[in-house]
C-alpha atoms as a PDB file:
ATOM      1  CA  UNK A   1      79.786 167.788  63.306  1.00  0.00           C
ATOM      2  CA  UNK A   2      78.984 164.114  63.169  1.00  0.00           C
ATOM      3  CA  UNK A   3      75.975 162.049  62.293  1.00  0.00           C
ATOM      4  CA  UNK A   4      75.801 158.552  63.676  1.00  0.00           C
ATOM      5  CA  UNK A   5      72.480 156.772  63.852  1.00  0.00           C
ATOM      6  CA  UNK A   6      70.780 153.427  63.520  1.00  0.00           C
ATOM      7  CA  UNK A   7      67.253 152.409  62.690  1.00  0.00           C
ATOM      8  CA  UNK A   8      65.985 149.589  64.869  1.00  0.00           C
ATOM      9  CA  UNK A   9      62.742 147.766  64.247  1.00  0.00           C
ATOM     10  CA  UNK A  10      61.244 145.729  67.102  1.00  0.00           C
ATOM     11  CA  UNK A  11      58.762 142.910  66.649  1.00  0.00           C
ATOM     12  CA  UNK A  12      56.400 141.191  69.030  1.00  0.00           C
ATOM     13  CA  UNK A  13      54.478 138.093  67.945  1.00  0.00           C
ATOM     14  CA  UNK A  14      55.861 138.564  64.395  1.00  0.00           C
ATOM     15  CA  UNK A  15      54.288 142.038  64.136  1.00  0.00           C
ATOM     16  CA  UNK A  16      55.975 145.462  64.393  1.00  0.00           C
ATOM     17  CA  UNK A  17      55.732 146.981  67.861  1.00  0.00           C
ATOM     18  CA  UNK A  18      53.982 150.353  68.111  1.00  0.00           C
ATOM     19  CA  UNK A  19      55.114 151.778  71.486  1.00  0.00           C
ATOM     20  CA  UNK A  20      53.167 154.560  73.108  1.00  0.00           C
ATOM     21  CA  UNK A  21      56.297 156.511  74.097  1.00  0.00           C
ATOM     22  CA  UNK A  22      59.361 157.010  71.900  1.00  0.00           C
ATOM     23  CA  UNK A  23      61.723 159.724  70.690  1.00  0.00           C
ATOM     24  CA  UNK A  24      60.101 161.282  67.641  1.00  0.00           C
ATOM     25  CA  UNK A  25      61.936 162.772  64.662  1.00  0.00           C
ATOM     26  CA  UNK A  26      61.214 166.413  63.859  1.00  0.00           C
ATOM     27  CA  UNK A  27      62.086 167.698  60.398  1.00  0.00           C
ATOM     28  CA  UNK A  28      61.647 171.271  61.709  1.00  0.00           C
ATOM     29  CA  UNK A  29      64.130 170.921  64.548  1.00  0.00           C
ATOM     30  CA  UNK A  30      63.670 172.178  68.098  1.00  0.00           C
ATOM     31  CA  UNK A  31      61.779 175.382  68.840  1.00  0.00           C
ATOM     32  CA  UNK A  32      63.135 178.061  71.192  1.00  0.00           C
ATOM     33  CA  UNK A  33      62.718 176.973  74.798  1.00  0.00           C
ATOM     34  CA  UNK A  34      61.832 173.384  73.868  1.00  0.00           C
ATOM     35  CA  UNK A  35      63.520 170.561  75.787  1.00  0.00           C
ATOM     36  CA  UNK A  36      66.127 168.735  73.706  1.00  0.00           C
ATOM     37  CA  UNK A  37      67.320 165.189  74.440  1.00  0.00           C
ATOM     38  CA  UNK A  38      70.515 163.891  72.886  1.00  0.00           C
ATOM     39  CA  UNK A  39      70.560 160.130  72.631  1.00  0.00           C
ATOM     40  CA  UNK A  40      74.011 158.563  72.660  1.00  0.00           C
ATOM     41  CA  UNK A  41      75.935 161.835  72.566  1.00  0.00           C
ATOM     42  CA  UNK A  42      78.123 163.215  74.059  1.00  0.00           C
ATOM     43  CA  UNK A  43      78.572 159.775  75.578  1.00  0.00           C
ATOM     44  CA  UNK A  44      80.112 157.023  73.545  1.00  0.00           C
ATOM     45  CA  UNK A  45      78.770 153.605  72.730  1.00  0.00           C
ATOM     46  CA  UNK A  46      82.088 151.704  72.885  1.00  0.00           C
ATOM     47  CA  UNK A  47      80.880 149.774  69.861  1.00  0.00           C
ATOM     48  CA  UNK A  48      84.332 149.851  68.262  1.00  0.00           C
ATOM     49  CA  UNK A  49      85.974 148.147  71.231  1.00  0.00           C
ATOM     50  CA  UNK A  50      86.762 144.463  71.039  1.00  0.00           C
ATOM     51  CA  UNK A  51      85.138 141.912  73.340  1.00  0.00           C
ATOM     52  CA  UNK A  52      88.446 141.515  75.157  1.00  0.00           C
ATOM     53  CA  UNK A  53      88.631 145.273  75.789  1.00  0.00           C
ATOM     54  CA  UNK A  54      85.065 145.376  77.098  1.00  0.00           C
ATOM     55  CA  UNK A  55      85.743 142.415  79.389  1.00  0.00           C
ATOM     56  CA  UNK A  56      88.864 144.137  80.707  1.00  0.00           C
ATOM     57  CA  UNK A  57      86.938 147.306  81.485  1.00  0.00           C
ATOM     58  CA  UNK A  58      84.147 145.293  83.121  1.00  0.00           C
ATOM     59  CA  UNK A  59      86.445 143.128  85.231  1.00  0.00           C
ATOM     60  CA  UNK A  60      89.218 145.587  86.124  1.00  0.00           C
ATOM     61  CA  UNK A  61      88.601 149.265  85.443  1.00  0.00           C
ATOM     62  CA  UNK A  62      84.905 149.652  86.285  1.00  0.00           C
ATOM     63  CA  UNK A  63      85.209 147.371  89.313  1.00  0.00           C
ATOM     64  CA  UNK A  64      88.086 149.474  90.630  1.00  0.00           C
ATOM     65  CA  UNK A  65      86.204 152.735  89.955  1.00  0.00           C
ATOM     66  CA  UNK A  66      83.184 151.461  91.887  1.00  0.00           C
ATOM     67  CA  UNK A  67      85.371 150.619  94.870  1.00  0.00           C
ATOM     68  CA  UNK A  68      86.691 154.183  94.940  1.00  0.00           C
END
């Protein structure tokens, strides 16, 4: 089990943004039959990779994969 999260606050015109649609937190968890969306998992964020690694993937690996 892992728990990896971040709180992000967005501002517009120096005031907090109150979007109409967003992923809401439920202290009760999901009910049976309810749709569940997993944000960021099982995918990875690559946030621990260096800039050089990300550039390499962008310029070499992903480009090659797209050509396939």
